[in-house]
Amino acid sequence: MSCFDTVKFSCPTCTTAILIQTKSGPCALKTYRGSRAPLSVAGGVLGETVSCPKCSASWKITGPRVIQLGLEPLDEDDDCEDYD
């Protein structure tokens, strides 16, 4: 038996819970709301098609395609390896 995480959505038609499992990310047997899933978990469900177990409506999971990374200054206490 392997570990996974679950992403939970509410059906836009009838508000029934839609659960989708993913093996991307930490696989810590946690459940995340779709709007609050960590990037590593969200990447595993992006583009998937899901169906509501109650009303049978189908939906495609969408999200941002580009992530903008930035830099913040480190505190003196933060560990950071020097790279040449």
PDB file of N, CA and C in Angstrom:
ATOM      1  N   MET A   1       0.847  -1.174   0.000  1.00  0.00           N
ATOM      2  CA  MET A   1       0.000   0.000   0.000  1.00  0.00           C
ATOM      3  C   MET A   1       0.887   1.229   0.000  1.00  0.00           C
ATOM      4  N   SER A   2       0.587   2.180  -0.880  1.00  0.00           N
ATOM      5  CA  SER A   2       1.416   3.369  -0.973  1.00  0.00           C
ATOM      6  C   SER A   2       0.686   4.588  -0.415  1.00  0.00           C
ATOM      7  N   CYS A   3       1.438   5.623  -0.131  1.00  0.00           N
ATOM      8  CA  CYS A   3       0.865   6.849   0.424  1.00  0.00           C
ATOM      9  C   CYS A   3       0.472   7.797  -0.701  1.00  0.00           C
ATOM     10  N   PHE A   4      -0.368   8.748  -0.367  1.00  0.00           N
ATOM     11  CA  PHE A   4      -0.864   9.732  -1.316  1.00  0.00           C
ATOM     12  C   PHE A   4      -1.374  10.924  -0.529  1.00  0.00           C
ATOM     13  N   ASP A   5      -1.738  11.986  -1.208  1.00  0.00           N
ATOM     14  CA  ASP A   5      -2.454  13.118  -0.634  1.00  0.00           C
ATOM     15  C   ASP A   5      -3.756  13.262  -1.389  1.00  0.00           C
ATOM     16  N   THR A   6      -4.711  13.954  -0.802  1.00  0.00           N
ATOM     17  CA  THR A   6      -6.023  14.143  -1.410  1.00  0.00           C
ATOM     18  C   THR A   6      -6.302  15.625  -1.569  1.00  0.00           C
ATOM     19  N   VAL A   7      -6.852  15.984  -2.718  1.00  0.00           N
ATOM     20  CA  VAL A   7      -7.282  17.361  -2.963  1.00  0.00           C
ATOM     21  C   VAL A   7      -8.805  17.337  -3.032  1.00  0.00           C
ATOM     22  N   LYS A   8      -9.424  18.240  -2.290  1.00  0.00           N
ATOM     23  CA  LYS A   8     -10.887  18.271  -2.165  1.00  0.00           C
ATOM     24  C   LYS A   8     -11.453  19.530  -2.825  1.00  0.00           C
ATOM     25  N   PHE A   9     -12.443  19.317  -3.674  1.00  0.00           N
ATOM     26  CA  PHE A   9     -13.169  20.407  -4.328  1.00  0.00           C
ATOM     27  C   PHE A   9     -14.645  20.287  -3.978  1.00  0.00           C
ATOM     28  N   SER A  10     -15.382  21.374  -4.108  1.00  0.00           N
ATOM     29  CA  SER A  10     -16.846  21.340  -4.008  1.00  0.00           C
ATOM     30  C   SER A  10     -17.403  21.451  -5.414  1.00  0.00           C
ATOM     31  N   CYS A  11     -18.312  20.570  -5.760  1.00  0.00           N
ATOM     32  CA  CYS A  11     -18.929  20.603  -7.087  1.00  0.00           C
ATOM     33  C   CYS A  11     -19.614  21.959  -7.281  1.00  0.00           C
ATOM     34  N   PRO A  12     -19.302  22.686  -8.354  1.00  0.00           N
ATOM     35  CA  PRO A  12     -19.943  23.975  -8.602  1.00  0.00           C
ATOM     36  C   PRO A  12     -21.449  23.865  -8.870  1.00  0.00           C
ATOM     37  N   THR A  13     -21.922  22.684  -9.215  1.00  0.00           N
ATOM     38  CA  THR A  13     -23.336  22.498  -9.512  1.00  0.00           C
ATOM     39  C   THR A  13     -24.146  22.179  -8.265  1.00  0.00           C
ATOM     40  N   CYS A  14     -23.666  21.230  -7.455  1.00  0.00           N
ATOM     41  CA  CYS A  14     -24.481  20.772  -6.317  1.00  0.00           C
ATOM     42  C   CYS A  14     -23.767  20.850  -4.963  1.00  0.00           C
ATOM     43  N   THR A  15     -22.548  21.320  -4.929  1.00  0.00           N
ATOM     44  CA  THR A  15     -21.694  21.491  -3.738  1.00  0.00           C
ATOM     45  C   THR A  15     -21.249  20.185  -3.061  1.00  0.00           C
ATOM     46  N   THR A  16     -21.461  19.043  -3.681  1.00  0.00           N
ATOM     47  CA  THR A  16     -20.970  17.774  -3.143  1.00  0.00           C
ATOM     48  C   THR A  16     -19.442  17.753  -3.198  1.00  0.00           C
ATOM     49  N   ALA A  17     -18.818  17.126  -2.229  1.00  0.00           N
ATOM     50  CA  ALA A  17     -17.359  17.027  -2.199  1.00  0.00           C
ATOM     51  C   ALA A  17     -16.859  16.120  -3.324  1.00  0.00           C
ATOM     52  N   ILE A  18     -15.833  16.586  -4.010  1.00  0.00           N
ATOM     53  CA  ILE A  18     -15.140  15.805  -5.030  1.00  0.00           C
ATOM     54  C   ILE A  18     -13.714  15.625  -4.525  1.00  0.00           C
ATOM     55  N   LEU A  19     -13.290  14.383  -4.361  1.00  0.00           N
ATOM     56  CA  LEU A  19     -11.965  14.079  -3.841  1.00  0.00           C
ATOM     57  C   LEU A  19     -11.124  13.443  -4.936  1.00  0.00           C
ATOM     58  N   ILE A  20      -9.890  13.914  -5.068  1.00  0.00           N
ATOM     59  CA  ILE A  20      -8.973  13.327  -6.039  1.00  0.00           C
ATOM     60  C   ILE A  20      -7.644  13.064  -5.338  1.00  0.00           C
ATOM     61  N   GLN A  21      -7.118  11.872  -5.528  1.00  0.00           N
ATOM     62  CA  GLN A  21      -5.857  11.492  -4.891  1.00  0.00           C
ATOM     63  C   GLN A  21      -4.695  11.752  -5.839  1.00  0.00           C
ATOM     64  N   THR A  22      -3.551  12.104  -5.244  1.00  0.00           N
ATOM     65  CA  THR A  22      -2.349  12.331  -6.029  1.00  0.00           C
ATOM     66  C   THR A  22      -1.133  11.786  -5.290  1.00  0.00           C
ATOM     67  N   LYS A  23      -0.174  11.311  -6.058  1.00  0.00           N
ATOM     68  CA  LYS A  23       1.072  10.827  -5.483  1.00  0.00           C
ATOM     69  C   LYS A  23       2.201  11.822  -5.708  1.00  0.00           C
ATOM     70  N   SER A  24       1.866  13.032  -6.145  1.00  0.00           N
ATOM     71  CA  SER A  24       2.892  14.074  -6.234  1.00  0.00           C
ATOM     72  C   SER A  24       2.936  14.803  -4.897  1.00  0.00           C
ATOM     73  N   GLY A  25       4.030  15.440  -4.601  1.00  0.00           N
ATOM     74  CA  GLY A  25       4.149  16.128  -3.324  1.00  0.00           C
ATOM     75  C   GLY A  25       4.612  15.190  -2.220  1.00  0.00           C
ATOM     76  N   PRO A  26       4.366  15.566  -0.961  1.00  0.00           N
ATOM     77  CA  PRO A  26       4.911  14.803   0.160  1.00  0.00           C
ATOM     78  C   PRO A  26       4.238  13.452   0.416  1.00  0.00           C
ATOM     79  N   CYS A  27       3.053  13.217  -0.111  1.00  0.00           N
ATOM     80  CA  CYS A  27       2.343  11.954   0.101  1.00  0.00           C
ATOM     81  C   CYS A  27       2.260  11.617   1.589  1.00  0.00           C
ATOM     82  N   ALA A  28       1.712  12.550   2.344  1.00  0.00           N
ATOM     83  CA  ALA A  28       1.649  12.426   3.799  1.00  0.00           C
ATOM     84  C   ALA A  28       0.238  12.086   4.283  1.00  0.00           C
ATOM     85  N   LEU A  29      -0.597  11.576   3.389  1.00  0.00           N
ATOM     86  CA  LEU A  29      -1.982  11.216   3.713  1.00  0.00           C
ATOM     87  C   LEU A  29      -2.778  12.420   4.240  1.00  0.00           C
ATOM     88  N   LYS A  30      -2.493  13.598   3.696  1.00  0.00           N
ATOM     89  CA  LYS A  30      -3.209  14.812   4.076  1.00  0.00           C
ATOM     90  C   LYS A  30      -4.247  15.153   3.025  1.00  0.00           C
ATOM     91  N   THR A  31      -5.269  15.905   3.443  1.00  0.00           N
ATOM     92  CA  THR A  31      -6.299  16.389   2.529  1.00  0.00           C
ATOM     93  C   THR A  31      -6.204  17.907   2.463  1.00  0.00           C
ATOM     94  N   TYR A  32      -6.178  18.444   1.250  1.00  0.00           N
ATOM     95  CA  TYR A  32      -6.075  19.881   1.023  1.00  0.00           C
ATOM     96  C   TYR A  32      -7.282  20.370   0.232  1.00  0.00           C
ATOM     97  N   ARG A  33      -7.755  21.563   0.538  1.00  0.00           N
ATOM     98  CA  ARG A  33      -8.763  22.195  -0.310  1.00  0.00           C
ATOM     99  C   ARG A  33      -8.086  22.572  -1.620  1.00  0.00           C
ATOM    100  N   GLY A  34      -8.824  22.493  -2.711  1.00  0.00           N
ATOM    101  CA  GLY A  34      -8.246  22.796  -4.016  1.00  0.00           C
ATOM    102  C   GLY A  34      -7.588  24.156  -4.089  1.00  0.00           C
ATOM    103  N   SER A  35      -8.176  25.144  -3.448  1.00  0.00           N
ATOM    104  CA  SER A  35      -7.627  26.502  -3.501  1.00  0.00           C
ATOM    105  C   SER A  35      -6.433  26.690  -2.572  1.00  0.00           C
ATOM    106  N   ARG A  36      -6.131  25.709  -1.729  1.00  0.00           N
ATOM    107  CA  ARG A  36      -5.047  25.842  -0.749  1.00  0.00           C
ATOM    108  C   ARG A  36      -4.009  24.729  -0.840  1.00  0.00           C
ATOM    109  N   ALA A  37      -4.037  23.948  -1.894  1.00  0.00           N
ATOM    110  CA  ALA A  37      -3.082  22.845  -2.024  1.00  0.00           C
ATOM    111  C   ALA A  37      -1.682  23.393  -2.307  1.00  0.00           C
ATOM    112  N   PRO A  38      -0.651  22.817  -1.682  1.00  0.00           N
ATOM    113  CA  PRO A  38       0.722  23.231  -1.996  1.00  0.00           C
ATOM    114  C   PRO A  38       1.028  22.973  -3.470  1.00  0.00           C
ATOM    115  N   LEU A  39       1.958  23.735  -4.022  1.00  0.00           N
ATOM    116  CA  LEU A  39       2.293  23.601  -5.445  1.00  0.00           C
ATOM    117  C   LEU A  39       2.692  22.177  -5.817  1.00  0.00           C
ATOM    118  N   SER A  40       3.434  21.515  -4.944  1.00  0.00           N
ATOM    119  CA  SER A  40       3.884  20.157  -5.265  1.00  0.00           C
ATOM    120  C   SER A  40       2.709  19.186  -5.372  1.00  0.00           C
ATOM    121  N   VAL A  41       1.649  19.416  -4.621  1.00  0.00           N
ATOM    122  CA  VAL A  41       0.447  18.569  -4.677  1.00  0.00           C
ATOM    123  C   VAL A  41      -0.426  18.996  -5.851  1.00  0.00           C
ATOM    124  N   ALA A  42      -0.611  20.302  -6.023  1.00  0.00           N
ATOM    125  CA  ALA A  42      -1.472  20.820  -7.093  1.00  0.00           C
ATOM    126  C   ALA A  42      -0.981  20.389  -8.469  1.00  0.00           C
ATOM    127  N   GLY A  43       0.327  20.323  -8.639  1.00  0.00           N
ATOM    128  CA  GLY A  43       0.877  19.918  -9.926  1.00  0.00           C
ATOM    129  C   GLY A  43       0.456  18.514 -10.342  1.00  0.00           C
ATOM    130  N   GLY A  44       0.155  17.668  -9.390  1.00  0.00           N
ATOM    131  CA  GLY A  44      -0.246  16.299  -9.688  1.00  0.00           C
ATOM    132  C   GLY A  44      -1.681  16.153 -10.153  1.00  0.00           C
ATOM    133  N   VAL A  45      -2.515  17.172  -9.921  1.00  0.00           N
ATOM    134  CA  VAL A  45      -3.924  17.078 -10.324  1.00  0.00           C
ATOM    135  C   VAL A  45      -4.278  18.069 -11.433  1.00  0.00           C
ATOM    136  N   LEU A  46      -3.390  19.009 -11.714  1.00  0.00           N
ATOM    137  CA  LEU A  46      -3.642  20.017 -12.735  1.00  0.00           C
ATOM    138  C   LEU A  46      -3.909  19.368 -14.092  1.00  0.00           C
ATOM    139  N   GLY A  47      -5.015  19.722 -14.696  1.00  0.00           N
ATOM    140  CA  GLY A  47      -5.386  19.171 -15.999  1.00  0.00           C
ATOM    141  C   GLY A  47      -6.228  17.908 -15.933  1.00  0.00           C
ATOM    142  N   GLU A  48      -6.361  17.317 -14.754  1.00  0.00           N
ATOM    143  CA  GLU A  48      -7.180  16.107 -14.592  1.00  0.00           C
ATOM    144  C   GLU A  48      -8.661  16.438 -14.758  1.00  0.00           C
ATOM    145  N   THR A  49      -9.431  15.473 -15.192  1.00  0.00           N
ATOM    146  CA  THR A  49     -10.877  15.597 -15.285  1.00  0.00           C
ATOM    147  C   THR A  49     -11.500  14.810 -14.145  1.00  0.00           C
ATOM    148  N   VAL A  50     -12.455  15.431 -13.445  1.00  0.00           N
ATOM    149  CA  VAL A  50     -13.143  14.779 -12.323  1.00  0.00           C
ATOM    150  C   VAL A  50     -14.644  14.849 -12.553  1.00  0.00           C
ATOM    151  N   SER A  51     -15.364  13.908 -11.968  1.00  0.00           N
ATOM    152  CA  SER A  51     -16.822  13.888 -12.055  1.00  0.00           C
ATOM    153  C   SER A  51     -17.411  13.909 -10.659  1.00  0.00           C
ATOM    154  N   CYS A  52     -18.505  14.611 -10.499  1.00  0.00           N
ATOM    155  CA  CYS A  52     -19.198  14.675  -9.224  1.00  0.00           C
ATOM    156  C   CYS A  52     -19.893  13.341  -8.963  1.00  0.00           C
ATOM    157  N   PRO A  53     -19.712  12.768  -7.777  1.00  0.00           N
ATOM    158  CA  PRO A  53     -20.356  11.486  -7.484  1.00  0.00           C
ATOM    159  C   PRO A  53     -21.876  11.594  -7.326  1.00  0.00           C
ATOM    160  N   LYS A  54     -22.387  12.821  -7.122  1.00  0.00           N
ATOM    161  CA  LYS A  54     -23.823  12.980  -6.917  1.00  0.00           C
ATOM    162  C   LYS A  54     -24.562  13.367  -8.200  1.00  0.00           C
ATOM    163  N   CYS A  55     -24.106  14.433  -8.867  1.00  0.00           N
ATOM    164  CA  CYS A  55     -24.849  14.934 -10.038  1.00  0.00           C
ATOM    165  C   CYS A  55     -24.209  14.546 -11.368  1.00  0.00           C
ATOM    166  N   SER A  56     -23.050  13.895 -11.333  1.00  0.00           N
ATOM    167  CA  SER A  56     -22.325  13.402 -12.510  1.00  0.00           C
ATOM    168  C   SER A  56     -21.770  14.496 -13.416  1.00  0.00           C
ATOM    169  N   ALA A  57     -21.797  15.750 -12.990  1.00  0.00           N
ATOM    170  CA  ALA A  57     -21.185  16.817 -13.781  1.00  0.00           C
ATOM    171  C   ALA A  57     -19.679  16.583 -13.827  1.00  0.00           C
ATOM    172  N   SER A  58     -19.061  16.890 -14.967  1.00  0.00           N
ATOM    173  CA  SER A  58     -17.619  16.703 -15.123  1.00  0.00           C
ATOM    174  C   SER A  58     -16.923  18.047 -15.175  1.00  0.00           C
ATOM    175  N   TRP A  59     -15.707  18.071 -14.624  1.00  0.00           N
ATOM    176  CA  TRP A  59     -14.941  19.304 -14.535  1.00  0.00           C
ATOM    177  C   TRP A  59     -13.483  19.012 -14.819  1.00  0.00           C
ATOM    178  N   LYS A  60     -12.800  19.982 -15.387  1.00  0.00           N
ATOM    179  CA  LYS A  60     -11.355  19.896 -15.590  1.00  0.00           C
ATOM    180  C   LYS A  60     -10.695  20.774 -14.531  1.00  0.00           C
ATOM    181  N   ILE A  61      -9.682  20.252 -13.859  1.00  0.00           N
ATOM    182  CA  ILE A  61      -8.977  21.008 -12.836  1.00  0.00           C
ATOM    183  C   ILE A  61      -7.993  21.952 -13.529  1.00  0.00           C
ATOM    184  N   THR A  62      -8.140  23.231 -13.259  1.00  0.00           N
ATOM    185  CA  THR A  62      -7.301  24.246 -13.884  1.00  0.00           C
ATOM    186  C   THR A  62      -6.556  25.040 -12.827  1.00  0.00           C
ATOM    187  N   GLY A  63      -5.590  25.764 -13.241  1.00  0.00           N
ATOM    188  CA  GLY A  63      -4.816  26.613 -12.343  1.00  0.00           C
ATOM    189  C   GLY A  63      -3.819  27.426 -13.136  1.00  0.00           C
ATOM    190  N   PRO A  64      -3.037  28.226 -12.453  1.00  0.00           N
ATOM    191  CA  PRO A  64      -2.038  29.030 -13.150  1.00  0.00           C
ATOM    192  C   PRO A  64      -0.996  28.148 -13.824  1.00  0.00           C
ATOM    193  N   ARG A  65      -0.558  28.547 -14.979  1.00  0.00           N
ATOM    194  CA  ARG A  65       0.435  27.781 -15.730  1.00  0.00           C
ATOM    195  C   ARG A  65       1.865  28.261 -15.448  1.00  0.00           C
ATOM    196  N   VAL A  66       1.990  29.489 -14.952  1.00  0.00           N
ATOM    197  CA  VAL A  66       3.301  30.072 -14.710  1.00  0.00           C
ATOM    198  C   VAL A  66       3.391  30.488 -13.251  1.00  0.00           C
ATOM    199  N   ILE A  67       4.495  30.187 -12.639  1.00  0.00           N
ATOM    200  CA  ILE A  67       4.737  30.588 -11.257  1.00  0.00           C
ATOM    201  C   ILE A  67       5.920  31.547 -11.266  1.00  0.00           C
ATOM    202  N   GLN A  68       5.751  32.701 -10.668  1.00  0.00           N
ATOM    203  CA  GLN A  68       6.826  33.672 -10.608  1.00  0.00           C
ATOM    204  C   GLN A  68       7.554  33.534  -9.274  1.00  0.00           C
ATOM    205  N   LEU A  69       8.829  33.215  -9.350  1.00  0.00           N
ATOM    206  CA  LEU A  69       9.640  33.074  -8.148  1.00  0.00           C
ATOM    207  C   LEU A  69      10.337  34.393  -7.852  1.00  0.00           C
ATOM    208  N   GLY A  70      10.610  34.638  -6.605  1.00  0.00           N
ATOM    209  CA  GLY A  70      11.306  35.852  -6.200  1.00  0.00           C
ATOM    210  C   GLY A  70      12.384  35.536  -5.183  1.00  0.00           C
ATOM    211  N   LEU A  71      13.082  36.560  -4.750  1.00  0.00           N
ATOM    212  CA  LEU A  71      14.131  36.410  -3.749  1.00  0.00           C
ATOM    213  C   LEU A  71      13.823  37.303  -2.560  1.00  0.00           C
ATOM    214  N   GLU A  72      14.113  36.795  -1.370  1.00  0.00           N
ATOM    215  CA  GLU A  72      13.986  37.560  -0.142  1.00  0.00           C
ATOM    216  C   GLU A  72      15.326  37.514   0.566  1.00  0.00           C
ATOM    217  N   PRO A  73      15.679  38.572   1.277  1.00  0.00           N
ATOM    218  CA  PRO A  73      16.938  38.512   2.040  1.00  0.00           C
ATOM    219  C   PRO A  73      16.835  37.470   3.151  1.00  0.00           C
ATOM    220  N   LEU A  74      17.928  36.797   3.416  1.00  0.00           N
ATOM    221  CA  LEU A  74      17.980  35.802   4.486  1.00  0.00           C
ATOM    222  C   LEU A  74      18.282  36.493   5.807  1.00  0.00           C
ATOM    223  N   ASP A  75      17.688  35.995   6.870  1.00  0.00           N
ATOM    224  CA  ASP A  75      18.074  36.431   8.198  1.00  0.00           C
ATOM    225  C   ASP A  75      19.430  35.819   8.506  1.00  0.00           C
ATOM    226  N   GLU A  76      20.181  36.437   9.394  1.00  0.00           N
ATOM    227  CA  GLU A  76      21.495  35.903   9.748  1.00  0.00           C
ATOM    228  C   GLU A  76      21.418  34.499  10.319  1.00  0.00           C
ATOM    229  N   ASP A  77      20.277  34.143  10.918  1.00  0.00           N
ATOM    230  CA  ASP A  77      20.123  32.834  11.538  1.00  0.00           C
ATOM    231  C   ASP A  77      19.779  31.730  10.535  1.00  0.00           C
ATOM    232  N   ASP A  78      19.368  32.078   9.303  1.00  0.00           N
ATOM    233  CA  ASP A  78      18.995  31.084   8.310  1.00  0.00           C
ATOM    234  C   ASP A  78      20.229  30.359   7.801  1.00  0.00           C
ATOM    235  N   ASP A  79      20.098  29.045   7.660  1.00  0.00           N
ATOM    236  CA  ASP A  79      21.188  28.254   7.100  1.00  0.00           C
ATOM    237  C   ASP A  79      21.133  28.345   5.589  1.00  0.00           C
ATOM    238  N   CYS A  80      22.289  28.595   5.008  1.00  0.00           N
ATOM    239  CA  CYS A  80      22.357  28.661   3.553  1.00  0.00           C
ATOM    240  C   CYS A  80      23.738  28.207   3.121  1.00  0.00           C
ATOM    241  N   GLU A  81      23.774  27.257   2.193  1.00  0.00           N
ATOM    242  CA  GLU A  81      25.053  26.799   1.683  1.00  0.00           C
ATOM    243  C   GLU A  81      25.545  27.794   0.640  1.00  0.00           C
ATOM    244  N   ASP A  82      26.854  28.008   0.619  1.00  0.00           N
ATOM    245  CA  ASP A  82      27.453  28.869  -0.378  1.00  0.00           C
ATOM    246  C   ASP A  82      27.716  28.046  -1.644  1.00  0.00           C
ATOM    247  N   TYR A  83      27.351  28.597  -2.779  1.00  0.00           N
ATOM    248  CA  TYR A  83      27.573  27.943  -4.055  1.00  0.00           C
ATOM    249  C   TYR A  83      28.496  28.822  -4.879  1.00  0.00           C
ATOM    250  N   ASP A  84      29.475  28.216  -5.516  1.00  0.00           N
ATOM    251  CA  ASP A  84      30.399  28.974  -6.355  1.00  0.00           C
ATOM    252  C   ASP A  84      29.900  29.027  -7.774  1.00  0.00           C
TER     253      ASP A  84
END
